[in-house]
Amino acid sequence: MSIQLSQKERMILEDEKHMEEICVKKYTSYAEQAKDPALKQLFTKIAGQEQHHYDMVDDLLNGKEPPNMQGSGGQGQQKQQQQGNQNTHKTKPREEFTDQGFGNAMDNVSDEVLCSDLLATEKYVASTYNVAVFEAANPVVRQAVQHIQQEEQGHGQMLFDYMQSHGMYQVE
């Protein structure tokens, strides 16, 4: 089934695709920079989920219904892992996100700074998906962006939980 996108849906999805690309690059870069092994693992896990979001948005932009929307668990993750190397539309690093650009800009920062930056990113990205849910006329697009929004909120929760348990985020 081919999905027909309105001009507005296409514009919103292009923006979301770009944000997912940034998220993949941030999480991947920050996983390499994090000092705590548990945080490295968390960042790597979320980077994989962000890649799945990128792939879902890319499918929509190419007129295809995303193959699954379980993403971060269950059968959807198994299917995603089975597809593994078959996936032909992985994000491609932009020049500003290569080791000479984005990576060096954040060298030698603490795990707390990395977490704070990613939490702010997740808050922003979740809010853009919130708008996309209301702007999508196509029910398939609406369902996909709503699914991604919920997972983005889950990423924020994981970051918050890590930060709170490590004394980086105080709730008063």
C-alpha atoms as a PDB file:
ATOM      1  CA  MET A   1       0.000   0.000   0.000  1.00  0.00           C
ATOM      2  CA  SER A   2       1.397   3.349  -1.018  1.00  0.00           C
ATOM      3  CA  ILE A   3       0.915   6.249   1.373  1.00  0.00           C
ATOM      4  CA  GLN A   4       0.003   9.615  -0.085  1.00  0.00           C
ATOM      5  CA  LEU A   5       1.377  12.480   1.982  1.00  0.00           C
ATOM      6  CA  SER A   6       0.101  16.024   1.993  1.00  0.00           C
ATOM      7  CA  GLN A   7       2.642  18.781   1.497  1.00  0.00           C
ATOM      8  CA  LYS A   8       2.374  19.624   5.212  1.00  0.00           C
ATOM      9  CA  GLU A   9       2.910  15.992   6.274  1.00  0.00           C
ATOM     10  CA  ARG A  10       5.940  15.711   4.002  1.00  0.00           C
ATOM     11  CA  MET A  11       7.454  18.916   5.423  1.00  0.00           C
ATOM     12  CA  ILE A  12       6.874  17.774   9.016  1.00  0.00           C
ATOM     13  CA  LEU A  13       8.306  14.304   8.331  1.00  0.00           C
ATOM     14  CA  GLU A  14      11.394  15.801   6.667  1.00  0.00           C
ATOM     15  CA  ASP A  15      11.982  17.842   9.828  1.00  0.00           C
ATOM     16  CA  GLU A  16      11.454  14.765  12.017  1.00  0.00           C
ATOM     17  CA  LYS A  17      13.848  12.736   9.882  1.00  0.00           C
ATOM     18  CA  HIS A  18      16.517  15.390  10.360  1.00  0.00           C
ATOM     19  CA  MET A  19      15.915  15.411  14.129  1.00  0.00           C
ATOM     20  CA  GLU A  20      16.181  11.609  14.251  1.00  0.00           C
ATOM     21  CA  GLU A  21      19.464  11.822  12.371  1.00  0.00           C
ATOM     22  CA  ILE A  22      20.781  14.267  14.960  1.00  0.00           C
ATOM     23  CA  CYS A  23      19.586  11.997  17.782  1.00  0.00           C
ATOM     24  CA  VAL A  24      21.357   8.959  16.300  1.00  0.00           C
ATOM     25  CA  LYS A  25      24.579  10.940  15.945  1.00  0.00           C
ATOM     26  CA  LYS A  26      24.350  12.418  19.451  1.00  0.00           C
ATOM     27  CA  TYR A  27      23.642   9.120  21.178  1.00  0.00           C
ATOM     28  CA  THR A  28      26.365   7.337  19.211  1.00  0.00           C
ATOM     29  CA  SER A  29      28.923  10.047  19.915  1.00  0.00           C
ATOM     30  CA  TYR A  30      27.935  10.359  23.569  1.00  0.00           C
ATOM     31  CA  ALA A  31      28.114   6.572  24.048  1.00  0.00           C
ATOM     32  CA  GLU A  32      31.777   6.809  23.072  1.00  0.00           C
ATOM     33  CA  GLN A  33      32.367   9.754  25.420  1.00  0.00           C
ATOM     34  CA  ALA A  34      30.466   8.536  28.490  1.00  0.00           C
ATOM     35  CA  LYS A  35      32.618   7.398  31.378  1.00  0.00           C
ATOM     36  CA  ASP A  36      30.075   5.134  33.132  1.00  0.00           C
ATOM     37  CA  PRO A  37      29.752   1.760  31.329  1.00  0.00           C
ATOM     38  CA  ALA A  38      26.034   1.594  32.216  1.00  0.00           C
ATOM     39  CA  LEU A  39      25.513   4.992  30.617  1.00  0.00           C
ATOM     40  CA  LYS A  40      27.427   3.910  27.509  1.00  0.00           C
ATOM     41  CA  GLN A  41      25.083   0.928  27.265  1.00  0.00           C
ATOM     42  CA  LEU A  42      21.980   3.111  27.746  1.00  0.00           C
ATOM     43  CA  PHE A  43      23.114   5.559  25.065  1.00  0.00           C
ATOM     44  CA  THR A  44      23.874   2.710  22.653  1.00  0.00           C
ATOM     45  CA  LYS A  45      20.439   1.170  23.259  1.00  0.00           C
ATOM     46  CA  ILE A  46      18.651   4.465  22.658  1.00  0.00           C
ATOM     47  CA  ALA A  47      20.777   5.152  19.553  1.00  0.00           C
ATOM     48  CA  GLY A  48      19.417   1.922  18.068  1.00  0.00           C
ATOM     49  CA  GLN A  49      15.863   2.979  18.848  1.00  0.00           C
ATOM     50  CA  GLU A  50      16.475   6.389  17.307  1.00  0.00           C
ATOM     51  CA  GLN A  51      17.790   4.646  14.179  1.00  0.00           C
ATOM     52  CA  HIS A  52      14.531   2.683  14.073  1.00  0.00           C
ATOM     53  CA  HIS A  53      12.590   5.971  14.284  1.00  0.00           C
ATOM     54  CA  TYR A  54      14.688   7.388  11.440  1.00  0.00           C
ATOM     55  CA  ASP A  55      13.896   4.300   9.362  1.00  0.00           C
ATOM     56  CA  MET A  56      10.165   4.565  10.111  1.00  0.00           C
ATOM     57  CA  VAL A  57      10.051   8.225   9.077  1.00  0.00           C
ATOM     58  CA  ASP A  58      12.102   7.452   5.971  1.00  0.00           C
ATOM     59  CA  ASP A  59       9.634   4.703   5.041  1.00  0.00           C
ATOM     60  CA  LEU A  60       6.739   7.145   5.384  1.00  0.00           C
ATOM     61  CA  LEU A  61       8.519   9.701   3.219  1.00  0.00           C
ATOM     62  CA  ASN A  62       9.045   7.001   0.605  1.00  0.00           C
ATOM     63  CA  GLY A  63       5.320   6.204   0.591  1.00  0.00           C
ATOM     64  CA  LYS A  64       5.686   2.969   2.533  1.00  0.00           C
ATOM     65  CA  GLU A  65       3.876   1.969   5.680  1.00  0.00           C
ATOM     66  CA  PRO A  66       6.470   1.255   8.381  1.00  0.00           C
ATOM     67  CA  PRO A  67       6.852  -2.544   8.761  1.00  0.00           C
ATOM     68  CA  ASN A  68       6.211  -2.486  12.491  1.00  0.00           C
ATOM     69  CA  MET A  69       5.721  -0.034  15.270  1.00  0.00           C
ATOM     70  CA  GLN A  70       6.873  -2.056  18.247  1.00  0.00           C
ATOM     71  CA  GLY A  71      10.384  -0.631  17.885  1.00  0.00           C
ATOM     72  CA  SER A  72      11.870  -0.871  21.334  1.00  0.00           C
ATOM     73  CA  GLY A  73      10.698  -4.291  22.350  1.00  0.00           C
ATOM     74  CA  GLY A  74       8.980  -7.562  21.591  1.00  0.00           C
ATOM     75  CA  GLN A  75       8.554  -8.933  18.108  1.00  0.00           C
ATOM     76  CA  GLY A  76       9.288  -5.585  16.497  1.00  0.00           C
ATOM     77  CA  GLN A  77      12.798  -5.537  17.911  1.00  0.00           C
ATOM     78  CA  GLN A  78      13.395  -9.151  16.876  1.00  0.00           C
ATOM     79  CA  LYS A  79      12.272  -8.343  13.353  1.00  0.00           C
ATOM     80  CA  GLN A  80      14.451  -5.229  13.354  1.00  0.00           C
ATOM     81  CA  GLN A  81      17.468  -7.247  14.506  1.00  0.00           C
ATOM     82  CA  GLN A  82      16.813  -9.918  11.884  1.00  0.00           C
ATOM     83  CA  GLN A  83      16.763  -7.249   9.196  1.00  0.00           C
ATOM     84  CA  GLY A  84      20.019  -5.862  10.640  1.00  0.00           C
ATOM     85  CA  ASN A  85      22.446  -5.504   7.761  1.00  0.00           C
ATOM     86  CA  GLN A  86      19.662  -5.624   5.180  1.00  0.00           C
ATOM     87  CA  ASN A  87      18.619  -2.096   6.118  1.00  0.00           C
ATOM     88  CA  THR A  88      19.679   0.125   3.252  1.00  0.00           C
ATOM     89  CA  HIS A  89      18.767   3.557   4.587  1.00  0.00           C
ATOM     90  CA  LYS A  90      20.940   4.100   7.637  1.00  0.00           C
ATOM     91  CA  THR A  91      21.650   7.670   8.534  1.00  0.00           C
ATOM     92  CA  LYS A  92      24.573   9.217   6.744  1.00  0.00           C
ATOM     93  CA  PRO A  93      26.762  11.553   8.782  1.00  0.00           C
ATOM     94  CA  ARG A  94      26.684  15.160   7.751  1.00  0.00           C
ATOM     95  CA  GLU A  95      29.983  16.963   7.791  1.00  0.00           C
ATOM     96  CA  GLU A  96      29.145  18.865  10.963  1.00  0.00           C
ATOM     97  CA  PHE A  97      28.574  15.560  12.801  1.00  0.00           C
ATOM     98  CA  THR A  98      31.799  13.817  11.886  1.00  0.00           C
ATOM     99  CA  ASP A  99      34.701  13.374  14.277  1.00  0.00           C
ATOM    100  CA  GLN A 100      36.167  16.692  13.150  1.00  0.00           C
ATOM    101  CA  GLY A 101      32.970  18.583  13.953  1.00  0.00           C
ATOM    102  CA  PHE A 102      30.316  17.543  16.422  1.00  0.00           C
ATOM    103  CA  GLY A 103      32.430  15.004  18.319  1.00  0.00           C
ATOM    104  CA  ASN A 104      35.255  17.385  19.153  1.00  0.00           C
ATOM    105  CA  ALA A 105      32.871  20.094  20.261  1.00  0.00           C
ATOM    106  CA  MET A 106      31.763  17.917  23.186  1.00  0.00           C
ATOM    107  CA  ASP A 107      35.076  16.275  24.165  1.00  0.00           C
ATOM    108  CA  ASN A 108      36.000  16.032  27.833  1.00  0.00           C
ATOM    109  CA  VAL A 109      32.572  16.733  29.243  1.00  0.00           C
ATOM    110  CA  SER A 110      31.033  14.981  32.200  1.00  0.00           C
ATOM    111  CA  ASP A 111      28.383  12.293  32.015  1.00  0.00           C
ATOM    112  CA  GLU A 112      26.004  14.762  33.660  1.00  0.00           C
ATOM    113  CA  VAL A 113      26.432  17.265  30.822  1.00  0.00           C
ATOM    114  CA  LEU A 114      25.868  14.522  28.246  1.00  0.00           C
ATOM    115  CA  CYS A 115      22.704  13.384  30.033  1.00  0.00           C
ATOM    116  CA  SER A 116      21.403  16.931  30.441  1.00  0.00           C
ATOM    117  CA  ASP A 117      21.916  17.679  26.763  1.00  0.00           C
ATOM    118  CA  LEU A 118      20.184  14.480  25.687  1.00  0.00           C
ATOM    119  CA  LEU A 119      17.281  15.030  28.083  1.00  0.00           C
ATOM    120  CA  ALA A 120      16.768  18.514  26.627  1.00  0.00           C
ATOM    121  CA  THR A 121      16.952  17.003  23.132  1.00  0.00           C
ATOM    122  CA  GLU A 122      14.340  14.366  24.009  1.00  0.00           C
ATOM    123  CA  LYS A 123      12.017  17.006  25.456  1.00  0.00           C
ATOM    124  CA  TYR A 124      12.277  19.023  22.260  1.00  0.00           C
ATOM    125  CA  VAL A 125      11.876  16.053  19.905  1.00  0.00           C
ATOM    126  CA  ALA A 126       8.865  14.711  21.830  1.00  0.00           C
ATOM    127  CA  SER A 127       7.243  18.137  21.546  1.00  0.00           C
ATOM    128  CA  THR A 128       7.765  18.248  17.776  1.00  0.00           C
ATOM    129  CA  TYR A 129       6.122  14.837  17.462  1.00  0.00           C
ATOM    130  CA  ASN A 130       3.235  16.109  19.588  1.00  0.00           C
ATOM    131  CA  VAL A 131       2.612  18.783  16.964  1.00  0.00           C
ATOM    132  CA  ALA A 132       3.015  16.232  14.162  1.00  0.00           C
ATOM    133  CA  VAL A 133       0.297  14.025  15.682  1.00  0.00           C
ATOM    134  CA  PHE A 134      -2.205  16.867  15.394  1.00  0.00           C
ATOM    135  CA  GLU A 135      -1.048  17.950  11.941  1.00  0.00           C
ATOM    136  CA  ALA A 136      -1.187  14.494  10.319  1.00  0.00           C
ATOM    137  CA  ALA A 137      -4.304  13.897   8.255  1.00  0.00           C
ATOM    138  CA  ASN A 138      -3.295  10.386   7.171  1.00  0.00           C
ATOM    139  CA  PRO A 139      -4.155   7.845   9.909  1.00  0.00           C
ATOM    140  CA  VAL A 140      -1.053   5.742   9.164  1.00  0.00           C
ATOM    141  CA  VAL A 141       1.184   8.786   9.567  1.00  0.00           C
ATOM    142  CA  ARG A 142      -0.644   9.838  12.723  1.00  0.00           C
ATOM    143  CA  GLN A 143      -0.287   6.378  14.253  1.00  0.00           C
ATOM    144  CA  ALA A 144       3.423   6.197  13.371  1.00  0.00           C
ATOM    145  CA  VAL A 145       4.301   9.622  14.781  1.00  0.00           C
ATOM    146  CA  GLN A 146       2.232   8.969  17.890  1.00  0.00           C
ATOM    147  CA  HIS A 147       4.138   5.715  18.410  1.00  0.00           C
ATOM    148  CA  ILE A 148       7.484   7.471  17.978  1.00  0.00           C
ATOM    149  CA  GLN A 149       6.412  10.277  20.333  1.00  0.00           C
ATOM    150  CA  GLN A 150       5.636   7.746  23.058  1.00  0.00           C
ATOM    151  CA  GLU A 151       9.040   6.130  22.616  1.00  0.00           C
ATOM    152  CA  GLU A 152      10.755   9.533  22.737  1.00  0.00           C
ATOM    153  CA  GLN A 153       9.011  10.181  26.048  1.00  0.00           C
ATOM    154  CA  GLY A 154      10.285   6.785  27.191  1.00  0.00           C
ATOM    155  CA  HIS A 155      13.835   7.816  26.286  1.00  0.00           C
ATOM    156  CA  GLY A 156      13.403  10.940  28.382  1.00  0.00           C
ATOM    157  CA  GLN A 157      12.168   8.805  31.271  1.00  0.00           C
ATOM    158  CA  MET A 158      15.196   6.501  31.018  1.00  0.00           C
ATOM    159  CA  LEU A 159      17.543   9.493  31.043  1.00  0.00           C
ATOM    160  CA  PHE A 160      15.690  11.073  33.960  1.00  0.00           C
ATOM    161  CA  ASP A 161      15.801   7.810  35.940  1.00  0.00           C
ATOM    162  CA  TYR A 162      19.547   7.458  35.324  1.00  0.00           C
ATOM    163  CA  MET A 163      20.209  11.061  36.257  1.00  0.00           C
ATOM    164  CA  GLN A 164      18.073  10.941  39.398  1.00  0.00           C
ATOM    165  CA  SER A 165      19.651   7.677  40.587  1.00  0.00           C
ATOM    166  CA  HIS A 166      23.129   9.184  40.114  1.00  0.00           C
ATOM    167  CA  GLY A 167      22.408  12.473  41.873  1.00  0.00           C
ATOM    168  CA  MET A 168      22.356  14.482  38.635  1.00  0.00           C
ATOM    169  CA  TYR A 169      18.697  15.507  38.824  1.00  0.00           C
ATOM    170  CA  GLN A 170      17.102  16.603  42.064  1.00  0.00           C
ATOM    171  CA  VAL A 171      13.331  16.549  42.410  1.00  0.00           C
ATOM    172  CA  GLU A 172      12.181  18.802  45.227  1.00  0.00           C
END
